[in-house]
Amino acid sequence: MDKQIENAMNRLINTEIWSSNLYLAMQVFFERKGFPILSSWLRLQSRGNMERVYAIMHILYHQGGKTSIDAQEGYTPEWRNSTEALNRLVEQEQSVQRDVKSFLFAVRCLDPNLYASIRHLYDDRPYIGNILLELTHILAEESQRRLPE
């Protein structure tokens, strides 16, 4: 296996693990705040991240590569309010989205066969950043519509 691809796959594995842990912490936060739907979605995101980790590790092993999982720092994220937590969530989602695009581009260029077997892992991943941006636009339009003239 190409070392560049192996390293890129390991970076993505670690990004997915870190993101999964962040989503779980946010799930607890929003559950406590009384947002069960967002909390449930975050739990599903965490589970989806780990499913992708297992799939990437499986591909890595079968391509002759080795997995390298970084130690996770022992910190507990805390947010002062829901807006701060959502901002952090959007930042994380944008970062993951950039990492995934970068990874897929590199794999497509270096190993088209591997690209064909790995790209489907991200085809249907809904990025909350995009969802929140759309929701923000809708709320802003609604707010403008309701303002007195």
N, C-alpha and C. Protein backbone atom coordinates (compact mmCIF):
# COMPACT_ATOMS: atom_id res chain seq x y z
N MET A 1 0.84 -1.18 0.00
CA MET A 1 0.00 0.00 0.00
C MET A 1 0.89 1.24 0.00
N ASP A 2 0.48 2.22 -0.76
CA ASP A 2 1.18 3.49 -0.82
C ASP A 2 1.19 4.14 0.58
N LYS A 3 2.37 4.56 1.03
CA LYS A 3 2.52 5.14 2.37
C LYS A 3 1.71 6.42 2.54
N GLN A 4 1.62 7.24 1.50
CA GLN A 4 0.82 8.47 1.57
C GLN A 4 -0.65 8.15 1.85
N ILE A 5 -1.16 7.15 1.15
CA ILE A 5 -2.55 6.76 1.35
C ILE A 5 -2.74 6.17 2.75
N GLU A 6 -1.82 5.34 3.16
CA GLU A 6 -1.90 4.75 4.50
C GLU A 6 -1.93 5.85 5.57
N ASN A 7 -1.05 6.83 5.43
CA ASN A 7 -1.02 7.94 6.39
C ASN A 7 -2.32 8.75 6.36
N ALA A 8 -2.82 8.99 5.15
CA ALA A 8 -4.07 9.75 5.00
C ALA A 8 -5.24 8.98 5.62
N MET A 9 -5.27 7.68 5.41
CA MET A 9 -6.33 6.86 5.99
C MET A 9 -6.26 6.89 7.52
N ASN A 10 -5.06 6.83 8.06
CA ASN A 10 -4.91 6.88 9.51
C ASN A 10 -5.30 8.25 10.08
N ARG A 11 -4.97 9.32 9.37
CA ARG A 11 -5.41 10.64 9.82
C ARG A 11 -6.93 10.72 9.84
N LEU A 12 -7.56 10.16 8.80
CA LEU A 12 -9.02 10.19 8.73
C LEU A 12 -9.64 9.32 9.82
N ILE A 13 -9.06 8.17 10.09
CA ILE A 13 -9.53 7.31 11.18
C ILE A 13 -9.50 8.09 12.49
N ASN A 14 -8.40 8.77 12.75
CA ASN A 14 -8.28 9.52 14.01
C ASN A 14 -9.23 10.72 14.06
N THR A 15 -9.44 11.36 12.92
CA THR A 15 -10.41 12.46 12.85
C THR A 15 -11.81 11.94 13.17
N GLU A 16 -12.16 10.81 12.60
CA GLU A 16 -13.49 10.23 12.83
C GLU A 16 -13.67 9.83 14.30
N ILE A 17 -12.64 9.25 14.90
CA ILE A 17 -12.72 8.85 16.32
C ILE A 17 -12.90 10.10 17.19
N TRP A 18 -12.08 11.13 16.93
CA TRP A 18 -12.16 12.35 17.72
C TRP A 18 -13.54 12.98 17.56
N SER A 19 -14.04 13.03 16.33
CA SER A 19 -15.36 13.60 16.08
C SER A 19 -16.45 12.79 16.78
N SER A 20 -16.33 11.49 16.75
CA SER A 20 -17.31 10.64 17.42
C SER A 20 -17.39 10.97 18.90
N ASN A 21 -16.24 11.14 19.54
CA ASN A 21 -16.21 11.50 20.95
C ASN A 21 -16.83 12.88 21.20
N LEU A 22 -16.56 13.82 20.31
CA LEU A 22 -17.14 15.15 20.45
C LEU A 22 -18.66 15.09 20.32
N TYR A 23 -19.15 14.33 19.34
CA TYR A 23 -20.59 14.19 19.17
C TYR A 23 -21.25 13.57 20.40
N LEU A 24 -20.58 12.59 21.02
CA LEU A 24 -21.14 12.00 22.24
C LEU A 24 -21.20 13.02 23.36
N ALA A 25 -20.17 13.83 23.51
CA ALA A 25 -20.18 14.87 24.54
C ALA A 25 -21.30 15.88 24.27
N MET A 26 -21.49 16.23 23.00
CA MET A 26 -22.56 17.15 22.65
C MET A 26 -23.93 16.51 22.84
N GLN A 27 -24.02 15.21 22.59
CA GLN A 27 -25.28 14.51 22.81
C GLN A 27 -25.72 14.67 24.27
N VAL A 28 -24.80 14.44 25.19
CA VAL A 28 -25.11 14.59 26.61
C VAL A 28 -25.51 16.03 26.93
N PHE A 29 -24.74 16.99 26.39
CA PHE A 29 -25.03 18.40 26.63
C PHE A 29 -26.45 18.76 26.19
N PHE A 30 -26.81 18.39 24.96
CA PHE A 30 -28.11 18.77 24.44
C PHE A 30 -29.24 17.95 25.05
N GLU A 31 -28.95 16.75 25.49
CA GLU A 31 -29.96 15.97 26.22
C GLU A 31 -30.31 16.69 27.52
N ARG A 32 -29.29 17.16 28.23
CA ARG A 32 -29.51 17.89 29.48
C ARG A 32 -30.25 19.21 29.25
N LYS A 33 -30.03 19.83 28.08
CA LYS A 33 -30.68 21.10 27.76
C LYS A 33 -32.12 20.90 27.30
N GLY A 34 -32.51 19.65 27.11
CA GLY A 34 -33.89 19.39 26.69
C GLY A 34 -34.11 19.40 25.19
N PHE A 35 -33.08 19.04 24.43
CA PHE A 35 -33.20 18.96 22.97
C PHE A 35 -33.03 17.50 22.54
N PRO A 36 -34.06 16.68 22.70
CA PRO A 36 -33.92 15.24 22.44
C PRO A 36 -33.67 14.89 20.98
N ILE A 37 -34.21 15.67 20.05
CA ILE A 37 -34.02 15.33 18.63
C ILE A 37 -32.58 15.58 18.21
N LEU A 38 -32.04 16.75 18.59
CA LEU A 38 -30.64 17.04 18.29
C LEU A 38 -29.73 16.04 18.99
N SER A 39 -30.07 15.71 20.23
CA SER A 39 -29.29 14.73 20.98
C SER A 39 -29.28 13.38 20.26
N SER A 40 -30.43 12.95 19.80
CA SER A 40 -30.53 11.68 19.08
C SER A 40 -29.73 11.72 17.78
N TRP A 41 -29.80 12.86 17.06
CA TRP A 41 -29.05 12.98 15.82
C TRP A 41 -27.54 12.90 16.09
N LEU A 42 -27.10 13.53 17.17
CA LEU A 42 -25.68 13.49 17.52
C LEU A 42 -25.23 12.06 17.85
N ARG A 43 -26.07 11.30 18.53
CA ARG A 43 -25.75 9.91 18.82
C ARG A 43 -25.60 9.12 17.51
N LEU A 44 -26.50 9.37 16.57
CA LEU A 44 -26.41 8.69 15.27
C LEU A 44 -25.14 9.10 14.52
N GLN A 45 -24.78 10.38 14.61
CA GLN A 45 -23.54 10.85 13.97
C GLN A 45 -22.34 10.11 14.56
N SER A 46 -22.30 10.00 15.87
CA SER A 46 -21.19 9.31 16.53
C SER A 46 -21.10 7.86 16.06
N ARG A 47 -22.24 7.22 16.02
CA ARG A 47 -22.28 5.82 15.57
C ARG A 47 -21.82 5.72 14.11
N GLY A 48 -22.27 6.65 13.27
CA GLY A 48 -21.86 6.64 11.86
C GLY A 48 -20.36 6.84 11.71
N ASN A 49 -19.80 7.72 12.53
CA ASN A 49 -18.35 7.93 12.49
C ASN A 49 -17.61 6.63 12.79
N MET A 50 -18.05 5.93 13.84
CA MET A 50 -17.35 4.70 14.21
C MET A 50 -17.55 3.60 13.17
N GLU A 51 -18.70 3.57 12.53
CA GLU A 51 -18.90 2.59 11.45
C GLU A 51 -17.92 2.87 10.30
N ARG A 52 -17.70 4.16 10.00
CA ARG A 52 -16.72 4.50 8.96
C ARG A 52 -15.31 4.13 9.40
N VAL A 53 -15.01 4.34 10.68
CA VAL A 53 -13.68 3.94 11.20
C VAL A 53 -13.46 2.46 10.95
N TYR A 54 -14.44 1.63 11.31
CA TYR A 54 -14.29 0.19 11.13
C TYR A 54 -14.14 -0.17 9.66
N ALA A 55 -14.90 0.50 8.80
CA ALA A 55 -14.82 0.21 7.36
C ALA A 55 -13.45 0.62 6.80
N ILE A 56 -12.96 1.78 7.20
CA ILE A 56 -11.65 2.23 6.71
C ILE A 56 -10.55 1.31 7.23
N MET A 57 -10.65 0.92 8.50
CA MET A 57 -9.65 0.00 9.05
C MET A 57 -9.66 -1.33 8.30
N HIS A 58 -10.85 -1.82 7.97
CA HIS A 58 -10.97 -3.07 7.23
C HIS A 58 -10.29 -2.96 5.87
N ILE A 59 -10.56 -1.87 5.16
CA ILE A 59 -9.93 -1.65 3.85
C ILE A 59 -8.42 -1.53 4.02
N LEU A 60 -8.00 -0.79 5.02
CA LEU A 60 -6.57 -0.60 5.27
C LEU A 60 -5.87 -1.94 5.49
N TYR A 61 -6.45 -2.79 6.33
CA TYR A 61 -5.86 -4.11 6.59
C TYR A 61 -5.77 -4.94 5.33
N HIS A 62 -6.85 -4.94 4.55
CA HIS A 62 -6.89 -5.78 3.35
C HIS A 62 -6.03 -5.25 2.21
N GLN A 63 -5.60 -4.00 2.32
CA GLN A 63 -4.69 -3.42 1.33
C GLN A 63 -3.24 -3.54 1.79
N GLY A 64 -3.02 -4.15 2.94
CA GLY A 64 -1.66 -4.34 3.44
C GLY A 64 -1.13 -3.20 4.29
N GLY A 65 -2.00 -2.28 4.69
CA GLY A 65 -1.58 -1.15 5.52
C GLY A 65 -1.72 -1.46 7.00
N LYS A 66 -1.24 -0.55 7.81
CA LYS A 66 -1.31 -0.69 9.26
C LYS A 66 -2.08 0.49 9.83
N THR A 67 -2.87 0.21 10.85
CA THR A 67 -3.65 1.25 11.50
C THR A 67 -2.85 1.85 12.64
N SER A 68 -2.92 3.16 12.76
CA SER A 68 -2.27 3.87 13.83
C SER A 68 -3.29 4.80 14.48
N ILE A 69 -3.72 4.43 15.69
CA ILE A 69 -4.72 5.22 16.39
C ILE A 69 -4.02 6.04 17.47
N ASP A 70 -4.21 7.35 17.39
CA ASP A 70 -3.59 8.26 18.35
C ASP A 70 -4.30 8.17 19.69
N ALA A 71 -3.56 8.44 20.75
CA ALA A 71 -4.16 8.53 22.08
C ALA A 71 -5.09 9.74 22.11
N GLN A 72 -6.22 9.57 22.71
CA GLN A 72 -7.18 10.66 22.84
C GLN A 72 -6.87 11.44 24.11
N GLU A 73 -6.79 12.75 23.98
CA GLU A 73 -6.52 13.58 25.14
C GLU A 73 -7.71 13.51 26.09
N GLY A 74 -7.41 13.49 27.38
CA GLY A 74 -8.45 13.36 28.38
C GLY A 74 -9.04 14.69 28.79
N TYR A 75 -9.82 15.30 27.93
CA TYR A 75 -10.48 16.54 28.31
C TYR A 75 -11.98 16.39 28.09
N THR A 76 -12.73 17.08 28.87
CA THR A 76 -14.18 17.08 28.73
C THR A 76 -14.60 18.45 28.21
N PRO A 77 -15.11 18.49 26.99
CA PRO A 77 -15.53 19.78 26.46
C PRO A 77 -16.72 20.32 27.24
N GLU A 78 -16.70 21.60 27.47
CA GLU A 78 -17.82 22.25 28.15
C GLU A 78 -18.19 23.51 27.37
N TRP A 79 -19.47 23.77 27.30
CA TRP A 79 -19.97 24.93 26.59
C TRP A 79 -20.85 25.72 27.55
N ARG A 80 -20.77 27.03 27.45
CA ARG A 80 -21.56 27.89 28.34
C ARG A 80 -23.03 27.89 27.98
N ASN A 81 -23.31 27.71 26.68
CA ASN A 81 -24.71 27.74 26.25
C ASN A 81 -24.86 26.96 24.95
N SER A 82 -26.09 26.83 24.51
CA SER A 82 -26.38 26.05 23.31
C SER A 82 -25.76 26.65 22.06
N THR A 83 -25.74 27.98 21.98
CA THR A 83 -25.16 28.64 20.81
C THR A 83 -23.68 28.34 20.70
N GLU A 84 -22.98 28.39 21.82
CA GLU A 84 -21.54 28.07 21.81
C GLU A 84 -21.31 26.62 21.38
N ALA A 85 -22.13 25.71 21.86
CA ALA A 85 -22.00 24.30 21.47
C ALA A 85 -22.28 24.11 19.99
N LEU A 86 -23.32 24.76 19.48
CA LEU A 86 -23.64 24.65 18.06
C LEU A 86 -22.54 25.25 17.19
N ASN A 87 -21.95 26.36 17.63
CA ASN A 87 -20.83 26.94 16.89
C ASN A 87 -19.67 25.96 16.82
N ARG A 88 -19.38 25.30 17.92
CA ARG A 88 -18.29 24.31 17.94
C ARG A 88 -18.61 23.13 17.03
N LEU A 89 -19.88 22.75 17.02
CA LEU A 89 -20.32 21.66 16.17
C LEU A 89 -20.14 22.01 14.70
N VAL A 90 -20.52 23.21 14.33
CA VAL A 90 -20.36 23.66 12.94
C VAL A 90 -18.88 23.70 12.56
N GLU A 91 -18.04 24.22 13.45
CA GLU A 91 -16.58 24.25 13.19
C GLU A 91 -16.05 22.84 12.96
N GLN A 92 -16.45 21.91 13.82
CA GLN A 92 -15.98 20.53 13.69
C GLN A 92 -16.46 19.91 12.38
N GLU A 93 -17.71 20.13 12.05
CA GLU A 93 -18.25 19.59 10.82
C GLU A 93 -17.53 20.14 9.59
N GLN A 94 -17.25 21.43 9.60
CA GLN A 94 -16.53 22.04 8.48
C GLN A 94 -15.12 21.47 8.37
N SER A 95 -14.48 21.27 9.50
CA SER A 95 -13.14 20.69 9.51
C SER A 95 -13.15 19.26 8.97
N VAL A 96 -14.11 18.47 9.42
CA VAL A 96 -14.21 17.08 8.95
C VAL A 96 -14.52 17.07 7.46
N GLN A 97 -15.41 17.93 7.02
CA GLN A 97 -15.77 17.99 5.61
C GLN A 97 -14.53 18.31 4.75
N ARG A 98 -13.71 19.25 5.21
CA ARG A 98 -12.47 19.58 4.48
C ARG A 98 -11.53 18.37 4.46
N ASP A 99 -11.37 17.71 5.61
CA ASP A 99 -10.48 16.55 5.69
C ASP A 99 -10.95 15.43 4.76
N VAL A 100 -12.24 15.18 4.74
CA VAL A 100 -12.78 14.11 3.89
C VAL A 100 -12.57 14.44 2.42
N LYS A 101 -12.88 15.66 2.03
CA LYS A 101 -12.69 16.06 0.62
C LYS A 101 -11.23 15.93 0.21
N SER A 102 -10.35 16.38 1.07
CA SER A 102 -8.92 16.31 0.80
C SER A 102 -8.46 14.85 0.67
N PHE A 103 -8.93 14.04 1.59
CA PHE A 103 -8.59 12.62 1.58
C PHE A 103 -9.08 11.95 0.30
N LEU A 104 -10.34 12.15 -0.03
CA LEU A 104 -10.90 11.52 -1.22
C LEU A 104 -10.21 11.98 -2.50
N PHE A 105 -9.85 13.25 -2.56
CA PHE A 105 -9.13 13.76 -3.73
C PHE A 105 -7.78 13.07 -3.86
N ALA A 106 -7.05 12.97 -2.75
CA ALA A 106 -5.73 12.34 -2.79
C ALA A 106 -5.82 10.87 -3.19
N VAL A 107 -6.78 10.16 -2.63
CA VAL A 107 -6.93 8.74 -2.95
C VAL A 107 -7.34 8.56 -4.41
N ARG A 108 -8.23 9.43 -4.89
CA ARG A 108 -8.65 9.33 -6.29
C ARG A 108 -7.46 9.50 -7.23
N CYS A 109 -6.55 10.40 -6.88
CA CYS A 109 -5.38 10.65 -7.73
C CYS A 109 -4.35 9.53 -7.62
N LEU A 110 -4.16 9.01 -6.42
CA LEU A 110 -3.10 8.02 -6.19
C LEU A 110 -3.52 6.58 -6.44
N ASP A 111 -4.78 6.26 -6.18
CA ASP A 111 -5.23 4.87 -6.31
C ASP A 111 -6.72 4.83 -6.65
N PRO A 112 -7.07 4.94 -7.92
CA PRO A 112 -8.47 4.97 -8.33
C PRO A 112 -9.28 3.75 -7.88
N ASN A 113 -8.64 2.58 -7.82
CA ASN A 113 -9.36 1.38 -7.37
C ASN A 113 -9.75 1.49 -5.90
N LEU A 114 -8.85 1.98 -5.08
CA LEU A 114 -9.14 2.18 -3.66
C LEU A 114 -10.22 3.25 -3.51
N TYR A 115 -10.12 4.30 -4.31
CA TYR A 115 -11.12 5.37 -4.27
C TYR A 115 -12.52 4.80 -4.53
N ALA A 116 -12.62 3.92 -5.50
CA ALA A 116 -13.92 3.32 -5.83
C ALA A 116 -14.49 2.53 -4.66
N SER A 117 -13.63 1.94 -3.84
CA SER A 117 -14.14 1.13 -2.73
C SER A 117 -14.35 1.93 -1.45
N ILE A 118 -13.88 3.18 -1.41
CA ILE A 118 -13.97 3.94 -0.16
C ILE A 118 -14.91 5.15 -0.25
N ARG A 119 -15.13 5.69 -1.41
CA ARG A 119 -15.91 6.93 -1.54
C ARG A 119 -17.35 6.78 -1.06
N HIS A 120 -17.91 5.59 -1.20
CA HIS A 120 -19.31 5.39 -0.79
C HIS A 120 -19.52 5.61 0.71
N LEU A 121 -18.45 5.54 1.49
CA LEU A 121 -18.57 5.74 2.94
C LEU A 121 -19.03 7.16 3.27
N TYR A 122 -18.80 8.09 2.35
CA TYR A 122 -19.13 9.50 2.61
C TYR A 122 -20.20 10.06 1.68
N ASP A 123 -20.76 9.23 0.81
CA ASP A 123 -21.75 9.72 -0.16
C ASP A 123 -22.98 10.32 0.50
N ASP A 124 -23.45 9.72 1.58
CA ASP A 124 -24.71 10.18 2.15
C ASP A 124 -24.57 10.80 3.54
N ARG A 125 -23.37 11.24 3.88
CA ARG A 125 -23.15 11.84 5.21
C ARG A 125 -23.71 13.26 5.23
N PRO A 126 -24.73 13.49 6.06
CA PRO A 126 -25.26 14.86 6.15
C PRO A 126 -24.42 15.69 7.11
N TYR A 127 -23.83 16.75 6.64
CA TYR A 127 -23.02 17.61 7.49
C TYR A 127 -23.93 18.62 8.19
N ILE A 128 -23.88 18.62 9.50
CA ILE A 128 -24.75 19.51 10.29
C ILE A 128 -24.48 20.97 9.97
N GLY A 129 -23.24 21.30 9.63
CA GLY A 129 -22.93 22.69 9.28
C GLY A 129 -23.81 23.16 8.14
N ASN A 130 -23.97 22.33 7.13
CA ASN A 130 -24.83 22.69 5.99
C ASN A 130 -26.29 22.79 6.43
N ILE A 131 -26.71 21.86 7.27
CA ILE A 131 -28.09 21.86 7.76
C ILE A 131 -28.35 23.12 8.58
N LEU A 132 -27.43 23.45 9.49
CA LEU A 132 -27.61 24.63 10.33
C LEU A 132 -27.58 25.92 9.52
N LEU A 133 -26.73 25.97 8.50
CA LEU A 133 -26.71 27.17 7.66
C LEU A 133 -28.05 27.37 6.96
N GLU A 134 -28.62 26.28 6.45
CA GLU A 134 -29.92 26.38 5.81
C GLU A 134 -30.98 26.82 6.82
N LEU A 135 -30.95 26.23 8.00
CA LEU A 135 -31.90 26.59 9.04
C LEU A 135 -31.74 28.05 9.45
N THR A 136 -30.51 28.52 9.57
CA THR A 136 -30.25 29.91 9.93
C THR A 136 -30.83 30.85 8.87
N HIS A 137 -30.65 30.52 7.60
CA HIS A 137 -31.21 31.34 6.52
C HIS A 137 -32.74 31.39 6.60
N ILE A 138 -33.33 30.25 6.87
CA ILE A 138 -34.79 30.19 6.99
C ILE A 138 -35.26 31.06 8.15
N LEU A 139 -34.60 30.93 9.31
CA LEU A 139 -34.97 31.72 10.48
C LEU A 139 -34.75 33.21 10.25
N ALA A 140 -33.67 33.56 9.56
CA ALA A 140 -33.41 34.97 9.26
C ALA A 140 -34.50 35.53 8.34
N GLU A 141 -34.89 34.76 7.33
CA GLU A 141 -35.97 35.21 6.43
C GLU A 141 -37.27 35.39 7.21
N GLU A 142 -37.56 34.44 8.09
CA GLU A 142 -38.77 34.52 8.89
C GLU A 142 -38.73 35.73 9.81
N SER A 143 -37.59 35.98 10.41
CA SER A 143 -37.42 37.12 11.30
C SER A 143 -37.63 38.43 10.54
N GLN A 144 -37.07 38.53 9.34
CA GLN A 144 -37.24 39.73 8.51
C GLN A 144 -38.69 39.94 8.12
N ARG A 145 -39.36 38.85 7.83
CA ARG A 145 -40.76 38.92 7.41
C ARG A 145 -41.63 39.43 8.55
N ARG A 146 -41.29 39.11 9.78
CA ARG A 146 -42.11 39.48 10.93
C ARG A 146 -41.78 40.84 11.51
N LEU A 147 -40.68 41.45 11.08
CA LEU A 147 -40.32 42.75 11.62
C LEU A 147 -41.34 43.81 11.19
N PRO A 148 -41.73 44.69 12.10
CA PRO A 148 -42.67 45.75 11.70
C PRO A 148 -41.99 46.75 10.77
N GLU A 149 -42.78 47.30 9.89
CA GLU A 149 -42.21 48.25 8.92
C GLU A 149 -42.27 49.66 9.43
